[in-house]
Amino acid sequence: MIDDHGKPFSSPADPHGAKANFDTNEKKLHSHGVSGLWRQITNLLILVGVIAAIILLSRIF
């Protein structure tokens, strides 16, 4: 069967699976916190440091 938008009907999402996914995401948010600006800045600095070390080692050897 086809619905009004030309897409085939699909069974509705599993409500238990959606609830489990929500609970998992909620636990992760409470344990790790929101990924903020400082975390992104430190990740960027680490990446720049690794790239600089690779370039430095390639010039030495």
N, C-alpha and C. Protein backbone atom coordinates (compact mmCIF):
# COMPACT_ATOMS: atom_id res chain seq x y z
N MET A 1 0.83 -1.18 0.00
CA MET A 1 0.00 0.00 0.00
C MET A 1 0.88 1.25 0.00
N ILE A 2 0.35 2.31 -0.56
CA ILE A 2 1.07 3.58 -0.64
C ILE A 2 0.27 4.64 0.11
N ASP A 3 0.97 5.45 0.88
CA ASP A 3 0.28 6.51 1.61
C ASP A 3 0.14 7.76 0.74
N ASP A 4 -0.28 8.86 1.33
CA ASP A 4 -0.54 10.09 0.57
C ASP A 4 0.71 10.71 -0.03
N HIS A 5 1.85 10.44 0.54
CA HIS A 5 3.08 11.07 0.09
C HIS A 5 3.86 10.19 -0.89
N GLY A 6 3.27 9.09 -1.33
CA GLY A 6 3.93 8.23 -2.29
C GLY A 6 4.96 7.31 -1.68
N LYS A 7 4.99 7.21 -0.37
CA LYS A 7 5.94 6.33 0.30
C LYS A 7 5.20 5.10 0.81
N PRO A 8 5.84 3.95 0.75
CA PRO A 8 5.16 2.76 1.27
C PRO A 8 4.97 2.86 2.78
N PHE A 9 3.91 2.27 3.25
CA PHE A 9 3.66 2.26 4.69
C PHE A 9 4.75 1.47 5.39
N SER A 10 5.13 1.92 6.53
CA SER A 10 6.09 1.18 7.34
C SER A 10 5.50 1.02 8.72
N SER A 11 5.94 0.00 9.40
CA SER A 11 5.43 -0.22 10.74
C SER A 11 5.96 0.89 11.64
N PRO A 12 5.19 1.31 12.62
CA PRO A 12 5.67 2.38 13.51
C PRO A 12 6.91 1.93 14.28
N ALA A 13 7.69 2.89 14.70
CA ALA A 13 8.93 2.59 15.42
C ALA A 13 8.61 1.83 16.69
N ASP A 14 9.54 0.99 17.06
CA ASP A 14 9.39 0.19 18.28
C ASP A 14 9.44 1.12 19.49
N PRO A 15 8.34 1.25 20.24
CA PRO A 15 8.35 2.18 21.37
C PRO A 15 9.33 1.77 22.47
N HIS A 16 9.54 0.47 22.64
CA HIS A 16 10.49 0.02 23.67
C HIS A 16 11.93 0.32 23.25
N GLY A 17 12.21 0.15 21.97
CA GLY A 17 13.55 0.46 21.46
C GLY A 17 13.84 1.95 21.55
N ALA A 18 12.82 2.77 21.22
CA ALA A 18 13.00 4.22 21.30
C ALA A 18 13.24 4.64 22.74
N LYS A 19 12.52 4.05 23.67
CA LYS A 19 12.69 4.38 25.10
C LYS A 19 14.08 3.95 25.58
N ALA A 20 14.54 2.78 25.16
CA ALA A 20 15.86 2.31 25.55
C ALA A 20 16.95 3.23 24.99
N ASN A 21 16.78 3.67 23.74
CA ASN A 21 17.74 4.58 23.13
C ASN A 21 17.76 5.91 23.88
N PHE A 22 16.58 6.41 24.24
CA PHE A 22 16.49 7.66 24.99
C PHE A 22 17.18 7.53 26.34
N ASP A 23 16.93 6.41 27.03
CA ASP A 23 17.55 6.20 28.34
C ASP A 23 19.06 6.13 28.24
N THR A 24 19.57 5.47 27.20
CA THR A 24 21.01 5.36 27.00
C THR A 24 21.62 6.73 26.76
N ASN A 25 20.97 7.52 25.88
CA ASN A 25 21.49 8.86 25.59
C ASN A 25 21.42 9.75 26.83
N GLU A 26 20.38 9.59 27.63
CA GLU A 26 20.24 10.40 28.84
C GLU A 26 21.34 10.06 29.85
N LYS A 27 21.64 8.76 30.01
CA LYS A 27 22.72 8.36 30.92
C LYS A 27 24.06 8.90 30.46
N LYS A 28 24.31 8.83 29.14
CA LYS A 28 25.56 9.33 28.60
C LYS A 28 25.69 10.83 28.81
N LEU A 29 24.60 11.57 28.62
CA LEU A 29 24.62 13.01 28.82
C LEU A 29 24.90 13.36 30.28
N HIS A 30 24.30 12.61 31.19
CA HIS A 30 24.51 12.90 32.61
C HIS A 30 25.90 12.51 33.08
N SER A 31 26.49 11.46 32.49
CA SER A 31 27.80 11.03 32.95
C SER A 31 28.94 11.82 32.31
N HIS A 32 28.77 12.23 31.06
CA HIS A 32 29.85 12.93 30.35
C HIS A 32 29.61 14.42 30.24
N GLY A 33 28.40 14.88 30.35
CA GLY A 33 28.11 16.30 30.19
C GLY A 33 28.04 16.69 28.73
N VAL A 34 27.63 17.89 28.51
CA VAL A 34 27.53 18.39 27.15
C VAL A 34 28.92 18.72 26.64
N SER A 35 29.21 18.28 25.43
CA SER A 35 30.50 18.58 24.82
C SER A 35 30.56 20.07 24.54
N GLY A 36 31.40 20.77 25.29
CA GLY A 36 31.42 22.22 25.22
C GLY A 36 32.59 22.75 24.43
N LEU A 37 32.71 24.05 24.49
CA LEU A 37 33.75 24.74 23.74
C LEU A 37 35.14 24.35 24.21
N TRP A 38 35.34 24.21 25.52
CA TRP A 38 36.67 23.86 26.03
C TRP A 38 37.12 22.49 25.56
N ARG A 39 36.18 21.54 25.50
CA ARG A 39 36.54 20.20 25.03
C ARG A 39 36.95 20.26 23.56
N GLN A 40 36.24 21.05 22.77
CA GLN A 40 36.60 21.18 21.36
C GLN A 40 37.94 21.87 21.18
N ILE A 41 38.20 22.88 22.02
CA ILE A 41 39.49 23.59 21.94
C ILE A 41 40.64 22.65 22.31
N THR A 42 40.47 21.87 23.38
CA THR A 42 41.56 20.96 23.77
C THR A 42 41.77 19.88 22.71
N ASN A 43 40.69 19.38 22.10
CA ASN A 43 40.84 18.39 21.03
C ASN A 43 41.59 18.99 19.85
N LEU A 44 41.29 20.25 19.52
CA LEU A 44 41.98 20.92 18.43
C LEU A 44 43.46 21.12 18.75
N LEU A 45 43.76 21.50 19.98
CA LEU A 45 45.16 21.69 20.36
C LEU A 45 45.94 20.38 20.33
N ILE A 46 45.31 19.30 20.75
CA ILE A 46 45.95 17.98 20.69
C ILE A 46 46.23 17.60 19.25
N LEU A 47 45.26 17.84 18.37
CA LEU A 47 45.44 17.51 16.96
C LEU A 47 46.57 18.34 16.34
N VAL A 48 46.62 19.62 16.65
CA VAL A 48 47.68 20.48 16.14
C VAL A 48 49.04 20.01 16.66
N GLY A 49 49.09 19.60 17.92
CA GLY A 49 50.34 19.11 18.48
C GLY A 49 50.83 17.84 17.82
N VAL A 50 49.92 16.94 17.54
CA VAL A 50 50.30 15.69 16.87
C VAL A 50 50.79 15.97 15.45
N ILE A 51 50.09 16.84 14.74
CA ILE A 51 50.53 17.18 13.38
C ILE A 51 51.89 17.87 13.41
N ALA A 52 52.09 18.78 14.37
CA ALA A 52 53.39 19.45 14.49
C ALA A 52 54.50 18.46 14.81
N ALA A 53 54.23 17.48 15.66
CA ALA A 53 55.24 16.48 16.00
C ALA A 53 55.59 15.63 14.77
N ILE A 54 54.60 15.29 13.98
CA ILE A 54 54.87 14.50 12.77
C ILE A 54 55.72 15.30 11.80
N ILE A 55 55.39 16.56 11.61
CA ILE A 55 56.16 17.41 10.70
C ILE A 55 57.58 17.58 11.22
N LEU A 56 57.72 17.81 12.51
CA LEU A 56 59.04 17.98 13.11
C LEU A 56 59.89 16.71 12.96
N LEU A 57 59.30 15.57 13.20
CA LEU A 57 60.04 14.31 13.07
C LEU A 57 60.41 14.03 11.62
N SER A 58 59.54 14.41 10.68
CA SER A 58 59.86 14.16 9.27
C SER A 58 60.99 15.07 8.80
N ARG A 59 61.13 16.26 9.37
CA ARG A 59 62.22 17.16 8.99
C ARG A 59 63.55 16.73 9.61
N ILE A 60 63.49 16.15 10.79
CA ILE A 60 64.73 15.71 11.47
C ILE A 60 65.31 14.49 10.77
N PHE A 61 64.46 13.55 10.40
CA PHE A 61 64.95 12.29 9.82
C PHE A 61 64.83 12.34 8.37
